[in-house]
Amino acid sequence: MIWAKYLDSRNEIRILGIIEERLQRKIPLLDSQVKWNDFGVFLHNKAITGFGFYSQQLNVLPNEIWALKNLEVLNFVNCGLNELSTKIGSLISLKELYIGGNQLTVIPKSIETLNNLQILYILEDNLFSIPEVIGNLRNLNELVLSSKFVKKLPHSIIQLTSNTCSVYLNNQEVMIPDSTDKKRNH
């Protein structure tokens, strides 16, 4: 596929080339926005707005991906990632993030800068904790967490109730007490 035909940004064309070279295969163009189980790229107004890396063995994401300021949906499910760069916080337009089936032991605190994030799936068997900063994601509507080692949610989760955020831990909806309930009971 000749990406110059579809994209205005030379940087985005270069990033796709780097990723295709690393994967040793072409990245398909998707007809609709990226879902958690897609492999491909979604374009809107000649810009990359969605990347799906479902079941692609990347191990490490190319640093260039963090420069995609129009990226709204990103999925790295079953990609063999060992770490998630702190640069993820630079994806200022990100609305949906799907992480799962990798080898991650830590979610970087820089995730708190994703002010537009509405949906967050963290499905990692090697995680022992969820960062406290998760409660700073004020626009979050849906938070799905799954790990056999995570036994306790961060206290900051209470802050998400003002957004009517649905929270699920290991396939169970978590009922979060409203912070005003604490004030009434004291």
N, C-alpha and C. Protein backbone atom coordinates (compact mmCIF):
# COMPACT_ATOMS: atom_id res chain seq x y z
N MET A 1 0.85 -1.18 0.00
CA MET A 1 0.00 0.00 0.00
C MET A 1 0.90 1.24 0.00
N ILE A 2 0.57 2.19 -0.79
CA ILE A 2 1.34 3.43 -0.85
C ILE A 2 0.66 4.43 0.06
N TRP A 3 1.27 4.63 1.25
CA TRP A 3 0.66 5.47 2.28
C TRP A 3 0.59 6.93 1.89
N ALA A 4 1.47 7.40 1.02
CA ALA A 4 1.46 8.81 0.59
C ALA A 4 0.13 9.15 -0.09
N LYS A 5 -0.51 8.16 -0.66
CA LYS A 5 -1.81 8.36 -1.31
C LYS A 5 -2.90 8.68 -0.28
N TYR A 6 -2.72 8.20 0.96
CA TYR A 6 -3.76 8.30 1.99
C TYR A 6 -3.47 9.32 3.08
N LEU A 7 -2.21 9.70 3.24
CA LEU A 7 -1.81 10.56 4.35
C LEU A 7 -1.17 11.86 3.87
N ASP A 8 -1.38 12.94 4.64
CA ASP A 8 -0.74 14.22 4.35
C ASP A 8 0.62 14.34 5.03
N SER A 9 0.78 13.74 6.18
CA SER A 9 1.97 13.91 6.99
C SER A 9 3.09 12.94 6.60
N ARG A 10 4.24 13.49 6.25
CA ARG A 10 5.40 12.66 5.93
C ARG A 10 5.85 11.87 7.15
N ASN A 11 5.70 12.48 8.33
CA ASN A 11 6.09 11.80 9.56
C ASN A 11 5.23 10.55 9.77
N GLU A 12 3.93 10.65 9.54
CA GLU A 12 3.04 9.50 9.70
C GLU A 12 3.37 8.42 8.67
N ILE A 13 3.71 8.81 7.45
CA ILE A 13 4.09 7.86 6.42
C ILE A 13 5.36 7.12 6.85
N ARG A 14 6.31 7.86 7.41
CA ARG A 14 7.57 7.28 7.88
C ARG A 14 7.32 6.31 9.04
N ILE A 15 6.45 6.69 9.97
CA ILE A 15 6.13 5.82 11.12
C ILE A 15 5.52 4.51 10.64
N LEU A 16 4.57 4.59 9.71
CA LEU A 16 3.97 3.36 9.17
C LEU A 16 5.03 2.48 8.51
N GLY A 17 5.95 3.09 7.80
CA GLY A 17 7.04 2.34 7.16
C GLY A 17 7.91 1.63 8.18
N ILE A 18 8.25 2.31 9.26
CA ILE A 18 9.07 1.71 10.32
C ILE A 18 8.35 0.53 10.95
N ILE A 19 7.07 0.70 11.24
CA ILE A 19 6.30 -0.37 11.87
C ILE A 19 6.14 -1.56 10.93
N GLU A 20 5.86 -1.29 9.66
CA GLU A 20 5.73 -2.38 8.69
C GLU A 20 7.05 -3.14 8.55
N GLU A 21 8.14 -2.42 8.58
CA GLU A 21 9.46 -3.07 8.49
C GLU A 21 9.71 -3.95 9.72
N ARG A 22 9.36 -3.43 10.88
CA ARG A 22 9.56 -4.20 12.12
C ARG A 22 8.68 -5.45 12.13
N LEU A 23 7.44 -5.32 11.67
CA LEU A 23 6.52 -6.46 11.64
C LEU A 23 6.78 -7.38 10.45
N GLN A 24 7.49 -6.89 9.47
CA GLN A 24 7.76 -7.60 8.23
C GLN A 24 6.47 -7.97 7.51
N ARG A 25 5.55 -7.03 7.55
CA ARG A 25 4.29 -7.20 6.83
C ARG A 25 3.60 -5.85 6.68
N LYS A 26 2.69 -5.76 5.75
CA LYS A 26 1.93 -4.53 5.51
C LYS A 26 0.84 -4.38 6.57
N ILE A 27 0.57 -3.14 6.92
CA ILE A 27 -0.49 -2.84 7.86
C ILE A 27 -1.75 -2.56 7.05
N PRO A 28 -2.83 -3.29 7.32
CA PRO A 28 -4.06 -3.05 6.56
C PRO A 28 -4.75 -1.76 6.97
N LEU A 29 -5.43 -1.18 6.02
CA LEU A 29 -6.25 -0.01 6.26
C LEU A 29 -7.63 -0.50 6.71
N LEU A 30 -8.09 -0.01 7.87
CA LEU A 30 -9.37 -0.45 8.43
C LEU A 30 -10.50 0.45 7.94
N ASP A 31 -11.68 -0.15 7.77
CA ASP A 31 -12.86 0.58 7.30
C ASP A 31 -13.53 1.38 8.41
N SER A 32 -13.34 0.93 9.67
CA SER A 32 -13.98 1.62 10.79
C SER A 32 -12.97 1.80 11.91
N GLN A 33 -13.34 2.59 12.88
CA GLN A 33 -12.44 2.89 14.00
C GLN A 33 -11.93 1.60 14.63
N VAL A 34 -10.73 1.64 15.17
CA VAL A 34 -10.05 0.49 15.73
C VAL A 34 -10.77 -0.02 16.98
N LYS A 35 -10.92 -1.33 17.05
CA LYS A 35 -11.47 -1.99 18.23
C LYS A 35 -10.34 -2.75 18.92
N TRP A 36 -10.62 -3.34 20.08
CA TRP A 36 -9.57 -3.98 20.86
C TRP A 36 -8.92 -5.16 20.15
N ASN A 37 -9.61 -5.79 19.20
CA ASN A 37 -9.07 -6.97 18.55
C ASN A 37 -8.75 -6.76 17.07
N ASP A 38 -8.40 -5.54 16.71
CA ASP A 38 -8.08 -5.23 15.31
C ASP A 38 -6.57 -5.13 15.10
N PHE A 39 -6.15 -5.52 13.92
CA PHE A 39 -4.81 -5.21 13.45
C PHE A 39 -4.98 -4.34 12.22
N GLY A 40 -4.49 -3.12 12.33
CA GLY A 40 -4.58 -2.21 11.20
C GLY A 40 -4.55 -0.77 11.65
N VAL A 41 -4.72 0.11 10.67
CA VAL A 41 -4.69 1.54 10.93
C VAL A 41 -5.98 2.16 10.40
N PHE A 42 -6.49 3.14 11.14
CA PHE A 42 -7.68 3.86 10.72
C PHE A 42 -7.28 5.31 10.47
N LEU A 43 -7.75 5.85 9.36
CA LEU A 43 -7.42 7.22 8.97
C LEU A 43 -8.68 8.07 8.95
N HIS A 44 -8.51 9.32 9.34
CA HIS A 44 -9.59 10.29 9.24
C HIS A 44 -8.98 11.62 8.81
N ASN A 45 -9.53 12.23 7.79
CA ASN A 45 -8.99 13.49 7.26
C ASN A 45 -7.50 13.39 6.97
N LYS A 46 -7.10 12.28 6.35
CA LYS A 46 -5.72 12.04 5.94
C LYS A 46 -4.72 12.08 7.10
N ALA A 47 -5.20 11.63 8.27
CA ALA A 47 -4.33 11.53 9.45
C ALA A 47 -4.63 10.20 10.16
N ILE A 48 -3.63 9.66 10.83
CA ILE A 48 -3.81 8.43 11.58
C ILE A 48 -4.54 8.75 12.88
N THR A 49 -5.73 8.16 13.05
CA THR A 49 -6.48 8.37 14.29
C THR A 49 -6.66 7.08 15.08
N GLY A 50 -6.33 5.94 14.48
CA GLY A 50 -6.47 4.68 15.19
C GLY A 50 -5.42 3.68 14.77
N PHE A 51 -4.84 3.00 15.76
CA PHE A 51 -3.86 1.95 15.51
C PHE A 51 -4.27 0.72 16.28
N GLY A 52 -4.35 -0.40 15.60
CA GLY A 52 -4.63 -1.67 16.26
C GLY A 52 -3.49 -2.63 16.01
N PHE A 53 -2.89 -3.13 17.08
CA PHE A 53 -1.77 -4.05 16.97
C PHE A 53 -2.12 -5.43 17.52
N TYR A 54 -3.38 -5.82 17.47
CA TYR A 54 -3.81 -7.07 18.06
C TYR A 54 -2.97 -8.25 17.56
N SER A 55 -2.38 -8.98 18.50
CA SER A 55 -1.61 -10.20 18.25
C SER A 55 -0.43 -10.01 17.29
N GLN A 56 0.17 -8.83 17.33
CA GLN A 56 1.38 -8.58 16.54
C GLN A 56 2.57 -8.52 17.51
N GLN A 57 3.57 -9.32 17.27
CA GLN A 57 4.71 -9.39 18.18
C GLN A 57 5.64 -8.20 17.96
N LEU A 58 5.41 -7.15 18.72
CA LEU A 58 6.21 -5.94 18.62
C LEU A 58 7.31 -5.91 19.67
N ASN A 59 7.08 -6.47 20.84
CA ASN A 59 7.97 -6.44 22.00
C ASN A 59 8.20 -5.03 22.52
N VAL A 60 8.57 -4.11 21.63
CA VAL A 60 8.76 -2.70 21.99
C VAL A 60 8.13 -1.86 20.88
N LEU A 61 7.41 -0.84 21.28
CA LEU A 61 6.82 0.05 20.27
C LEU A 61 7.87 1.03 19.77
N PRO A 62 7.82 1.36 18.49
CA PRO A 62 8.77 2.36 17.99
C PRO A 62 8.51 3.72 18.64
N ASN A 63 9.58 4.40 19.02
CA ASN A 63 9.44 5.71 19.67
C ASN A 63 8.65 6.71 18.84
N GLU A 64 8.70 6.56 17.53
CA GLU A 64 8.01 7.49 16.64
C GLU A 64 6.49 7.52 16.86
N ILE A 65 5.94 6.44 17.36
CA ILE A 65 4.49 6.37 17.54
C ILE A 65 3.99 7.43 18.53
N TRP A 66 4.84 7.83 19.47
CA TRP A 66 4.42 8.79 20.49
C TRP A 66 4.27 10.20 19.92
N ALA A 67 4.65 10.40 18.67
CA ALA A 67 4.51 11.71 18.02
C ALA A 67 3.17 11.85 17.29
N LEU A 68 2.33 10.81 17.31
CA LEU A 68 1.06 10.85 16.59
C LEU A 68 0.01 11.61 17.41
N LYS A 69 -0.02 12.91 17.24
CA LYS A 69 -0.88 13.78 18.05
C LYS A 69 -2.36 13.64 17.74
N ASN A 70 -2.73 13.06 16.59
CA ASN A 70 -4.15 12.86 16.24
C ASN A 70 -4.68 11.50 16.65
N LEU A 71 -3.83 10.66 17.23
CA LEU A 71 -4.23 9.30 17.58
C LEU A 71 -5.30 9.31 18.67
N GLU A 72 -6.44 8.69 18.37
CA GLU A 72 -7.58 8.64 19.30
C GLU A 72 -7.79 7.26 19.90
N VAL A 73 -7.42 6.22 19.15
CA VAL A 73 -7.62 4.85 19.62
C VAL A 73 -6.32 4.08 19.41
N LEU A 74 -5.90 3.38 20.47
CA LEU A 74 -4.67 2.60 20.40
C LEU A 74 -4.90 1.28 21.12
N ASN A 75 -4.52 0.20 20.47
CA ASN A 75 -4.67 -1.11 21.08
C ASN A 75 -3.37 -1.88 20.92
N PHE A 76 -2.82 -2.34 22.04
CA PHE A 76 -1.75 -3.31 21.98
C PHE A 76 -2.13 -4.49 22.85
N VAL A 77 -2.94 -5.34 22.29
CA VAL A 77 -3.38 -6.56 22.96
C VAL A 77 -2.63 -7.73 22.34
N ASN A 78 -2.01 -8.54 23.19
CA ASN A 78 -1.22 -9.71 22.77
C ASN A 78 -0.07 -9.34 21.84
N CYS A 79 0.71 -8.35 22.24
CA CYS A 79 1.82 -7.87 21.41
C CYS A 79 3.19 -8.24 21.97
N GLY A 80 3.24 -8.89 23.11
CA GLY A 80 4.53 -9.26 23.68
C GLY A 80 5.30 -8.10 24.27
N LEU A 81 4.61 -7.00 24.60
CA LEU A 81 5.30 -5.84 25.16
C LEU A 81 5.81 -6.13 26.56
N ASN A 82 7.05 -5.74 26.82
CA ASN A 82 7.64 -5.88 28.14
C ASN A 82 7.47 -4.63 28.97
N GLU A 83 7.35 -3.51 28.29
CA GLU A 83 7.13 -2.25 29.00
C GLU A 83 6.37 -1.29 28.13
N LEU A 84 5.71 -0.37 28.79
CA LEU A 84 4.96 0.69 28.13
C LEU A 84 5.70 1.99 28.43
N SER A 85 6.11 2.67 27.40
CA SER A 85 6.90 3.88 27.56
C SER A 85 6.14 4.96 28.32
N THR A 86 6.88 5.74 29.09
CA THR A 86 6.28 6.89 29.78
C THR A 86 5.82 7.93 28.76
N LYS A 87 6.29 7.81 27.53
CA LYS A 87 5.90 8.75 26.48
C LYS A 87 4.44 8.58 26.06
N ILE A 88 3.78 7.56 26.58
CA ILE A 88 2.36 7.39 26.25
C ILE A 88 1.57 8.64 26.65
N GLY A 89 2.05 9.35 27.64
CA GLY A 89 1.40 10.58 28.08
C GLY A 89 1.40 11.68 27.04
N SER A 90 2.16 11.53 25.98
CA SER A 90 2.21 12.55 24.92
C SER A 90 1.08 12.40 23.90
N LEU A 91 0.32 11.33 23.99
CA LEU A 91 -0.79 11.09 23.04
C LEU A 91 -2.02 11.86 23.50
N ILE A 92 -1.98 13.17 23.33
CA ILE A 92 -2.96 14.08 23.93
C ILE A 92 -4.38 13.92 23.40
N SER A 93 -4.56 13.31 22.22
CA SER A 93 -5.90 13.13 21.65
C SER A 93 -6.50 11.77 21.97
N LEU A 94 -5.75 10.91 22.64
CA LEU A 94 -6.18 9.53 22.87
C LEU A 94 -7.48 9.47 23.67
N LYS A 95 -8.46 8.73 23.11
CA LYS A 95 -9.77 8.56 23.76
C LYS A 95 -9.98 7.12 24.25
N GLU A 96 -9.35 6.16 23.56
CA GLU A 96 -9.51 4.75 23.92
C GLU A 96 -8.15 4.07 23.92
N LEU A 97 -7.88 3.34 25.00
CA LEU A 97 -6.61 2.62 25.12
C LEU A 97 -6.89 1.21 25.60
N TYR A 98 -6.42 0.24 24.83
CA TYR A 98 -6.60 -1.17 25.15
C TYR A 98 -5.22 -1.81 25.31
N ILE A 99 -4.92 -2.29 26.50
CA ILE A 99 -3.64 -2.93 26.80
C ILE A 99 -3.95 -4.29 27.39
N GLY A 100 -3.38 -5.34 26.87
CA GLY A 100 -3.66 -6.64 27.45
C GLY A 100 -2.84 -7.76 26.84
N GLY A 101 -2.65 -8.81 27.61
CA GLY A 101 -1.97 -10.00 27.12
C GLY A 101 -0.51 -9.79 26.79
N ASN A 102 0.13 -8.85 27.44
CA ASN A 102 1.55 -8.60 27.24
C ASN A 102 2.31 -9.10 28.46
N GLN A 103 3.46 -8.55 28.70
CA GLN A 103 4.26 -8.92 29.87
C GLN A 103 4.51 -7.71 30.76
N LEU A 104 3.58 -6.76 30.75
CA LEU A 104 3.76 -5.52 31.51
C LEU A 104 3.64 -5.78 33.01
N THR A 105 4.53 -5.16 33.76
CA THR A 105 4.46 -5.24 35.22
C THR A 105 4.09 -3.89 35.82
N VAL A 106 4.19 -2.83 35.00
CA VAL A 106 3.92 -1.47 35.47
C VAL A 106 3.17 -0.70 34.39
N ILE A 107 2.21 0.08 34.83
CA ILE A 107 1.56 1.06 33.95
C ILE A 107 2.17 2.40 34.34
N PRO A 108 2.76 3.13 33.39
CA PRO A 108 3.45 4.37 33.75
C PRO A 108 2.50 5.44 34.30
N LYS A 109 3.00 6.21 35.23
CA LYS A 109 2.19 7.27 35.84
C LYS A 109 1.85 8.36 34.84
N SER A 110 2.61 8.45 33.76
CA SER A 110 2.33 9.47 32.74
C SER A 110 0.97 9.27 32.09
N ILE A 111 0.32 8.16 32.34
CA ILE A 111 -1.02 7.91 31.81
C ILE A 111 -2.00 8.98 32.29
N GLU A 112 -1.69 9.61 33.41
CA GLU A 112 -2.58 10.62 33.98
C GLU A 112 -2.73 11.85 33.09
N THR A 113 -1.82 12.05 32.14
CA THR A 113 -1.90 13.22 31.26
C THR A 113 -2.84 13.00 30.07
N LEU A 114 -3.42 11.81 29.97
CA LEU A 114 -4.34 11.51 28.87
C LEU A 114 -5.72 12.05 29.21
N ASN A 115 -5.85 13.35 29.16
CA ASN A 115 -7.06 14.05 29.60
C ASN A 115 -8.31 13.73 28.79
N ASN A 116 -8.15 13.26 27.56
CA ASN A 116 -9.30 12.94 26.71
C ASN A 116 -9.71 11.47 26.78
N LEU A 117 -8.98 10.69 27.56
CA LEU A 117 -9.24 9.25 27.62
C LEU A 117 -10.63 8.98 28.20
N GLN A 118 -11.41 8.17 27.45
CA GLN A 118 -12.77 7.82 27.86
C GLN A 118 -12.90 6.34 28.20
N ILE A 119 -12.12 5.50 27.51
CA ILE A 119 -12.19 4.06 27.72
C ILE A 119 -10.77 3.54 27.95
N LEU A 120 -10.60 2.79 29.03
CA LEU A 120 -9.29 2.23 29.36
C LEU A 120 -9.46 0.77 29.76
N TYR A 121 -8.84 -0.12 29.00
CA TYR A 121 -8.80 -1.54 29.31
C TYR A 121 -7.36 -1.88 29.66
N ILE A 122 -7.15 -2.41 30.85
CA ILE A 122 -5.83 -2.89 31.26
C ILE A 122 -6.02 -4.34 31.67
N LEU A 123 -5.65 -5.23 30.78
CA LEU A 123 -5.84 -6.66 31.01
C LEU A 123 -4.46 -7.31 31.01
N GLU A 124 -3.78 -7.24 32.13
CA GLU A 124 -2.40 -7.72 32.23
C GLU A 124 -2.24 -8.68 33.39
N ASP A 125 -1.79 -9.88 33.12
CA ASP A 125 -1.61 -10.87 34.17
C ASP A 125 -0.39 -10.63 35.06
N ASN A 126 0.53 -9.81 34.64
CA ASN A 126 1.74 -9.59 35.42
C ASN A 126 1.69 -8.34 36.29
N LEU A 127 0.62 -7.59 36.24
CA LEU A 127 0.50 -6.37 37.05
C LEU A 127 0.16 -6.72 38.49
N PHE A 128 0.84 -6.04 39.41
CA PHE A 128 0.54 -6.21 40.83
C PHE A 128 -0.26 -5.04 41.38
N SER A 129 -0.16 -3.90 40.68
CA SER A 129 -0.90 -2.72 41.15
C SER A 129 -1.26 -1.82 39.98
N ILE A 130 -2.23 -0.99 40.25
CA ILE A 130 -2.70 0.02 39.29
C ILE A 130 -2.23 1.36 39.85
N PRO A 131 -1.67 2.23 39.01
CA PRO A 131 -1.14 3.50 39.55
C PRO A 131 -2.24 4.37 40.18
N GLU A 132 -1.89 5.01 41.25
CA GLU A 132 -2.82 5.89 41.98
C GLU A 132 -3.34 7.01 41.07
N VAL A 133 -2.57 7.43 40.10
CA VAL A 133 -2.95 8.55 39.23
C VAL A 133 -4.15 8.23 38.34
N ILE A 134 -4.59 7.00 38.34
CA ILE A 134 -5.73 6.60 37.49
C ILE A 134 -6.96 7.45 37.80
N GLY A 135 -7.10 7.89 39.03
CA GLY A 135 -8.23 8.71 39.43
C GLY A 135 -8.22 10.11 38.83
N ASN A 136 -7.10 10.50 38.24
CA ASN A 136 -6.99 11.83 37.61
C ASN A 136 -7.56 11.86 36.20
N LEU A 137 -7.98 10.73 35.68
CA LEU A 137 -8.53 10.66 34.32
C LEU A 137 -9.99 11.08 34.36
N ARG A 138 -10.22 12.35 34.39
CA ARG A 138 -11.55 12.94 34.62
C ARG A 138 -12.60 12.62 33.58
N ASN A 139 -12.20 12.31 32.34
CA ASN A 139 -13.17 12.03 31.29
C ASN A 139 -13.42 10.54 31.07
N LEU A 140 -12.85 9.73 31.94
CA LEU A 140 -12.99 8.28 31.80
C LEU A 140 -14.43 7.85 32.06
N ASN A 141 -14.98 7.07 31.12
CA ASN A 141 -16.34 6.53 31.24
C ASN A 141 -16.35 5.05 31.57
N GLU A 142 -15.29 4.35 31.13
CA GLU A 142 -15.23 2.91 31.33
C GLU A 142 -13.81 2.50 31.65
N LEU A 143 -13.65 1.82 32.77
CA LEU A 143 -12.35 1.31 33.20
C LEU A 143 -12.50 -0.18 33.46
N VAL A 144 -11.76 -0.98 32.69
CA VAL A 144 -11.80 -2.43 32.84
C VAL A 144 -10.40 -2.88 33.21
N LEU A 145 -10.28 -3.50 34.38
CA LEU A 145 -8.99 -3.97 34.89
C LEU A 145 -9.07 -5.47 35.11
N SER A 146 -8.02 -6.16 34.72
CA SER A 146 -7.99 -7.59 34.97
C SER A 146 -6.55 -8.03 35.15
N SER A 147 -6.30 -8.63 36.30
CA SER A 147 -5.00 -9.22 36.59
C SER A 147 -5.17 -10.14 37.78
N LYS A 148 -4.60 -11.31 37.71
CA LYS A 148 -4.73 -12.24 38.82
C LYS A 148 -3.99 -11.76 40.06
N PHE A 149 -3.09 -10.77 39.89
CA PHE A 149 -2.29 -10.30 41.02
C PHE A 149 -2.82 -9.01 41.65
N VAL A 150 -3.64 -8.25 40.92
CA VAL A 150 -4.17 -7.00 41.48
C VAL A 150 -5.28 -7.36 42.45
N LYS A 151 -5.07 -7.05 43.70
CA LYS A 151 -6.05 -7.37 44.74
C LYS A 151 -6.73 -6.12 45.29
N LYS A 152 -6.12 -4.98 45.04
CA LYS A 152 -6.63 -3.74 45.63
C LYS A 152 -6.60 -2.63 44.58
N LEU A 153 -7.68 -1.89 44.53
CA LEU A 153 -7.74 -0.74 43.62
C LEU A 153 -7.16 0.49 44.32
N PRO A 154 -6.59 1.40 43.55
CA PRO A 154 -6.08 2.63 44.17
C PRO A 154 -7.22 3.46 44.75
N HIS A 155 -6.94 4.14 45.83
CA HIS A 155 -7.94 4.97 46.50
C HIS A 155 -8.50 6.04 45.56
N SER A 156 -7.69 6.51 44.64
CA SER A 156 -8.10 7.59 43.74
C SER A 156 -9.27 7.20 42.84
N ILE A 157 -9.60 5.92 42.76
CA ILE A 157 -10.74 5.46 41.94
C ILE A 157 -12.01 6.19 42.36
N ILE A 158 -12.11 6.56 43.61
CA ILE A 158 -13.28 7.28 44.11
C ILE A 158 -13.53 8.55 43.29
N GLN A 159 -12.45 9.18 42.82
CA GLN A 159 -12.58 10.41 42.05
C GLN A 159 -13.30 10.18 40.72
N LEU A 160 -13.32 8.96 40.24
CA LEU A 160 -13.96 8.68 38.95
C LEU A 160 -15.47 8.64 39.04
N THR A 161 -16.03 8.53 40.24
CA THR A 161 -17.48 8.41 40.36
C THR A 161 -18.21 9.67 39.91
N SER A 162 -17.56 10.82 40.00
CA SER A 162 -18.22 12.05 39.56
C SER A 162 -18.45 12.05 38.05
N ASN A 163 -17.73 11.19 37.34
CA ASN A 163 -17.90 11.08 35.89
C ASN A 163 -18.84 9.95 35.50
N THR A 164 -19.47 9.34 36.46
CA THR A 164 -20.27 8.14 36.23
C THR A 164 -19.47 7.10 35.44
N CYS A 165 -18.27 6.87 35.87
CA CYS A 165 -17.39 5.90 35.25
C CYS A 165 -17.74 4.50 35.76
N SER A 166 -17.89 3.56 34.84
CA SER A 166 -18.10 2.16 35.20
C SER A 166 -16.73 1.52 35.38
N VAL A 167 -16.55 0.83 36.51
CA VAL A 167 -15.27 0.19 36.81
C VAL A 167 -15.50 -1.31 36.97
N TYR A 168 -14.67 -2.09 36.28
CA TYR A 168 -14.74 -3.54 36.36
C TYR A 168 -13.36 -4.07 36.75
N LEU A 169 -13.32 -4.96 37.72
CA LEU A 169 -12.08 -5.63 38.13
C LEU A 169 -12.30 -7.12 38.01
N ASN A 170 -11.49 -7.78 37.19
CA ASN A 170 -11.58 -9.22 36.97
C ASN A 170 -13.02 -9.66 36.67
N ASN A 171 -13.64 -8.98 35.72
CA ASN A 171 -14.99 -9.28 35.21
C ASN A 171 -16.12 -9.02 36.21
N GLN A 172 -15.84 -8.31 37.27
CA GLN A 172 -16.87 -7.97 38.24
C GLN A 172 -16.99 -6.45 38.32
N GLU A 173 -18.22 -5.95 38.21
CA GLU A 173 -18.39 -4.51 38.36
C GLU A 173 -18.10 -4.13 39.81
N VAL A 174 -17.35 -3.06 39.97
CA VAL A 174 -16.97 -2.59 41.30
C VAL A 174 -17.87 -1.43 41.67
N MET A 175 -18.52 -1.54 42.79
CA MET A 175 -19.36 -0.45 43.28
C MET A 175 -18.47 0.47 44.10
N ILE A 176 -18.27 1.66 43.61
CA ILE A 176 -17.40 2.62 44.28
C ILE A 176 -18.27 3.58 45.08
N PRO A 177 -17.99 3.68 46.37
CA PRO A 177 -18.79 4.62 47.16
C PRO A 177 -18.54 6.05 46.70
N ASP A 178 -19.59 6.81 46.62
CA ASP A 178 -19.49 8.21 46.28
C ASP A 178 -18.73 8.92 47.40
N SER A 179 -17.83 9.79 47.05
CA SER A 179 -17.03 10.48 48.07
C SER A 179 -17.92 11.31 49.00
N THR A 180 -19.12 11.69 48.56
CA THR A 180 -20.01 12.45 49.44
C THR A 180 -20.60 11.55 50.52
N ASP A 181 -20.69 10.23 50.25
CA ASP A 181 -21.18 9.29 51.27
C ASP A 181 -20.27 9.29 52.49
N LYS A 182 -18.99 9.37 52.28
CA LYS A 182 -18.05 9.40 53.40
C LYS A 182 -18.28 10.64 54.27
N LYS A 183 -18.51 11.76 53.60
CA LYS A 183 -18.71 13.02 54.35
C LYS A 183 -19.97 12.94 55.20
N ARG A 184 -21.03 12.34 54.64
CA ARG A 184 -22.29 12.23 55.39
C ARG A 184 -22.17 11.30 56.59
N ASN A 185 -21.33 10.28 56.46
CA ASN A 185 -21.20 9.30 57.53
C ASN A 185 -20.25 9.74 58.64
N HIS A 186 -19.55 10.83 58.46
CA HIS A 186 -18.58 11.28 59.48
C HIS A 186 -19.13 12.41 60.32
